[in-house]
C-alpha atoms as a PDB file:
ATOM      1  CA  MET A   1     253.185 103.973 155.145  1.00  0.00           C
ATOM      2  CA  SER A   2     253.200 100.327 154.125  1.00  0.00           C
ATOM      3  CA  LYS A   3     250.583  98.863 151.806  1.00  0.00           C
ATOM      4  CA  LYS A   4     249.169  96.801 154.691  1.00  0.00           C
ATOM      5  CA  ASN A   5     248.294  99.930 156.666  1.00  0.00           C
ATOM      6  CA  MET A   6     246.708 101.826 153.787  1.00  0.00           C
ATOM      7  CA  ALA A   7     242.919 102.020 153.956  1.00  0.00           C
ATOM      8  CA  GLN A   8     241.049 100.321 151.161  1.00  0.00           C
ATOM      9  CA  ARG A   9     239.137 103.067 149.383  1.00  0.00           C
ATOM     10  CA  ASN A  10     236.106 101.838 147.486  1.00  0.00           C
ATOM     11  CA  TYR A  11     234.386 104.471 145.433  1.00  0.00           C
ATOM     12  CA  VAL A  12     230.611 104.498 145.449  1.00  0.00           C
ATOM     13  CA  LEU A  13     230.208 105.746 141.914  1.00  0.00           C
ATOM     14  CA  ARG A  14     232.094 107.239 139.013  1.00  0.00           C
ATOM     15  CA  ILE A  15     230.616 110.144 137.093  1.00  0.00           C
ATOM     16  CA  PRO A  16     231.827 111.770 133.871  1.00  0.00           C
ATOM     17  CA  ASN A  17     233.652 115.064 134.224  1.00  0.00           C
ATOM     18  CA  THR A  18     231.119 116.995 132.164  1.00  0.00           C
ATOM     19  CA  GLU A  19     228.524 119.674 132.885  1.00  0.00           C
ATOM     20  CA  GLU A  20     225.930 116.907 133.285  1.00  0.00           C
ATOM     21  CA  GLY A  21     228.178 115.031 135.756  1.00  0.00           C
ATOM     22  CA  GLU A  22     228.771 118.231 137.744  1.00  0.00           C
ATOM     23  CA  ALA A  23     225.013 118.878 137.904  1.00  0.00           C
ATOM     24  CA  PHE A  24     224.469 115.297 139.112  1.00  0.00           C
ATOM     25  CA  TYR A  25     227.112 115.724 141.835  1.00  0.00           C
ATOM     26  CA  LYS A  26     225.541 118.994 143.039  1.00  0.00           C
ATOM     27  CA  GLN A  27     222.103 117.372 143.167  1.00  0.00           C
ATOM     28  CA  LEU A  28     223.503 114.350 145.030  1.00  0.00           C
ATOM     29  CA  LYS A  29     224.985 116.681 147.658  1.00  0.00           C
ATOM     30  CA  THR A  30     221.622 118.410 148.181  1.00  0.00           C
ATOM     31  CA  TYR A  31     219.945 115.109 149.110  1.00  0.00           C
ATOM     32  CA  LEU A  32     222.802 113.764 151.253  1.00  0.00           C
ATOM     33  CA  ASN A  33     222.242 113.449 155.009  1.00  0.00           C
ATOM     34  CA  THR A  34     225.086 115.811 155.946  1.00  0.00           C
ATOM     35  CA  ASN A  35     224.659 115.154 159.676  1.00  0.00           C
ATOM     36  CA  SER A  36     225.946 111.603 159.192  1.00  0.00           C
ATOM     37  CA  TYR A  37     227.762 111.490 155.853  1.00  0.00           C
ATOM     38  CA  ALA A  38     230.179 113.436 153.684  1.00  0.00           C
ATOM     39  CA  LEU A  39     231.219 113.068 150.056  1.00  0.00           C
ATOM     40  CA  ASP A  40     234.775 113.070 148.797  1.00  0.00           C
ATOM     41  CA  ARG A  41     235.658 113.201 145.122  1.00  0.00           C
ATOM     42  CA  LYS A  42     238.863 112.463 143.261  1.00  0.00           C
ATOM     43  CA  ALA A  43     239.756 113.161 139.648  1.00  0.00           C
ATOM     44  CA  THR A  44     240.591 110.295 137.289  1.00  0.00           C
ATOM     45  CA  GLY A  45     242.232 110.542 133.890  1.00  0.00           C
ATOM     46  CA  ASN A  46     245.508 110.990 132.059  1.00  0.00           C
ATOM     47  CA  ARG A  47     248.163 112.876 133.987  1.00  0.00           C
ATOM     48  CA  THR A  48     249.546 115.194 131.336  1.00  0.00           C
ATOM     49  CA  ARG A  49     251.481 117.527 133.643  1.00  0.00           C
ATOM     50  CA  PRO A  50     254.867 116.178 134.846  1.00  0.00           C
ATOM     51  CA  GLU A  51     254.229 117.047 138.499  1.00  0.00           C
ATOM     52  CA  TYR A  52     251.189 114.718 138.528  1.00  0.00           C
ATOM     53  CA  ARG A  53     252.818 111.748 136.752  1.00  0.00           C
ATOM     54  CA  ASN A  54     253.442 109.736 139.952  1.00  0.00           C
ATOM     55  CA  SER A  55     250.253 110.624 141.806  1.00  0.00           C
ATOM     56  CA  PHE A  56     246.996 108.697 142.086  1.00  0.00           C
ATOM     57  CA  ASN A  57     244.841 111.642 141.009  1.00  0.00           C
ATOM     58  CA  THR A  58     244.934 114.280 138.337  1.00  0.00           C
ATOM     59  CA  THR A  59     243.474 117.792 138.330  1.00  0.00           C
ATOM     60  CA  MET A  60     239.725 118.302 137.918  1.00  0.00           C
ATOM     61  CA  LYS A  61     240.347 120.280 134.707  1.00  0.00           C
ATOM     62  CA  GLU A  62     242.190 117.343 133.091  1.00  0.00           C
ATOM     63  CA  ALA A  63     239.978 114.568 134.495  1.00  0.00           C
ATOM     64  CA  ASP A  64     237.969 112.220 132.286  1.00  0.00           C
ATOM     65  CA  SER A  65     235.785 111.157 135.198  1.00  0.00           C
ATOM     66  CA  VAL A  66     235.360 111.738 138.927  1.00  0.00           C
ATOM     67  CA  ARG A  67     235.275 109.032 141.620  1.00  0.00           C
ATOM     68  CA  VAL A  68     232.862 109.765 144.469  1.00  0.00           C
ATOM     69  CA  TYR A  69     233.504 108.272 147.923  1.00  0.00           C
ATOM     70  CA  LEU A  70     231.006 108.120 150.788  1.00  0.00           C
ATOM     71  CA  GLN A  71     232.410 108.894 154.241  1.00  0.00           C
ATOM     72  CA  ALA A  72     230.715 108.473 157.607  1.00  0.00           C
ATOM     73  CA  LYS A  73     231.105 111.342 160.058  1.00  0.00           C
ATOM     74  CA  THR A  74     232.533 110.087 163.363  1.00  0.00           C
ATOM     75  CA  PRO A  75     233.831 111.888 166.482  1.00  0.00           C
ATOM     76  CA  GLU A  76     237.381 111.142 165.251  1.00  0.00           C
ATOM     77  CA  GLY A  77     236.641 112.663 161.835  1.00  0.00           C
ATOM     78  CA  ASN A  78     235.331 111.318 158.542  1.00  0.00           C
ATOM     79  CA  LYS A  79     235.773 107.569 158.015  1.00  0.00           C
ATOM     80  CA  GLN A  80     235.871 105.986 154.589  1.00  0.00           C
ATOM     81  CA  LEU A  81     233.101 103.438 154.161  1.00  0.00           C
ATOM     82  CA  SER A  82     233.862 100.170 152.404  1.00  0.00           C
ATOM     83  CA  HIS A  83     231.359  98.047 150.528  1.00  0.00           C
ATOM     84  CA  SER A  84     230.995  95.696 153.512  1.00  0.00           C
ATOM     85  CA  ASP A  85     230.129  98.679 155.776  1.00  0.00           C
ATOM     86  CA  MET A  86     227.261  99.562 153.453  1.00  0.00           C
ATOM     87  CA  MET A  87     225.792  96.035 153.375  1.00  0.00           C
ATOM     88  CA  PRO A  88     222.868  95.216 155.672  1.00  0.00           C
ATOM     89  CA  SER A  89     224.041  93.360 158.779  1.00  0.00           C
ATOM     90  CA  ASP A  90     222.115  90.196 157.893  1.00  0.00           C
ATOM     91  CA  MET A  91     224.041  89.969 154.596  1.00  0.00           C
ATOM     92  CA  LYS A  92     227.505  90.377 156.142  1.00  0.00           C
ATOM     93  CA  PRO A  93     229.565  87.182 156.209  1.00  0.00           C
ATOM     94  CA  GLN A  94     229.533  85.523 159.599  1.00  0.00           C
ATOM     95  CA  PRO A  95     232.843  84.583 161.254  1.00  0.00           C
ATOM     96  CA  ARG A  96     233.822  80.934 160.839  1.00  0.00           C
ATOM     97  CA  LYS A  97     233.267  78.675 163.818  1.00  0.00           C
ATOM     98  CA  LYS A  98     236.205  76.762 165.238  1.00  0.00           C
ATOM     99  CA  PHE A  99     236.276  73.066 164.483  1.00  0.00           C
ATOM    100  CA  LEU A 100     236.302  71.160 167.761  1.00  0.00           C
ATOM    101  CA  GLY A 101     237.365  67.838 166.259  1.00  0.00           C
ATOM    102  CA  ILE A 102     234.256  66.006 167.458  1.00  0.00           C
ATOM    103  CA  ILE A 103     232.434  64.021 164.812  1.00  0.00           C
END
């Protein structure tokens, strides 16, 4: 897959990989509207094991922190939300109008 086709993944928040961070994540899941949204989390930190050296993520046991992504549930499956998807529609940038050349 080329870089152009890869989805831009913007994490919503980063939490420490501690007991307090795990408790926060569990509480966040309890308040999430699970009919419309899902959470995805990825481990971040040093990749000490050779088999993880070339990957984007590490294992949860070795992670320094955890990135949390918000996904919208759609009929085609979960869709990663970007920051622009989460902005109110009146704040989204409007498309540029074509210049007609009339002054």
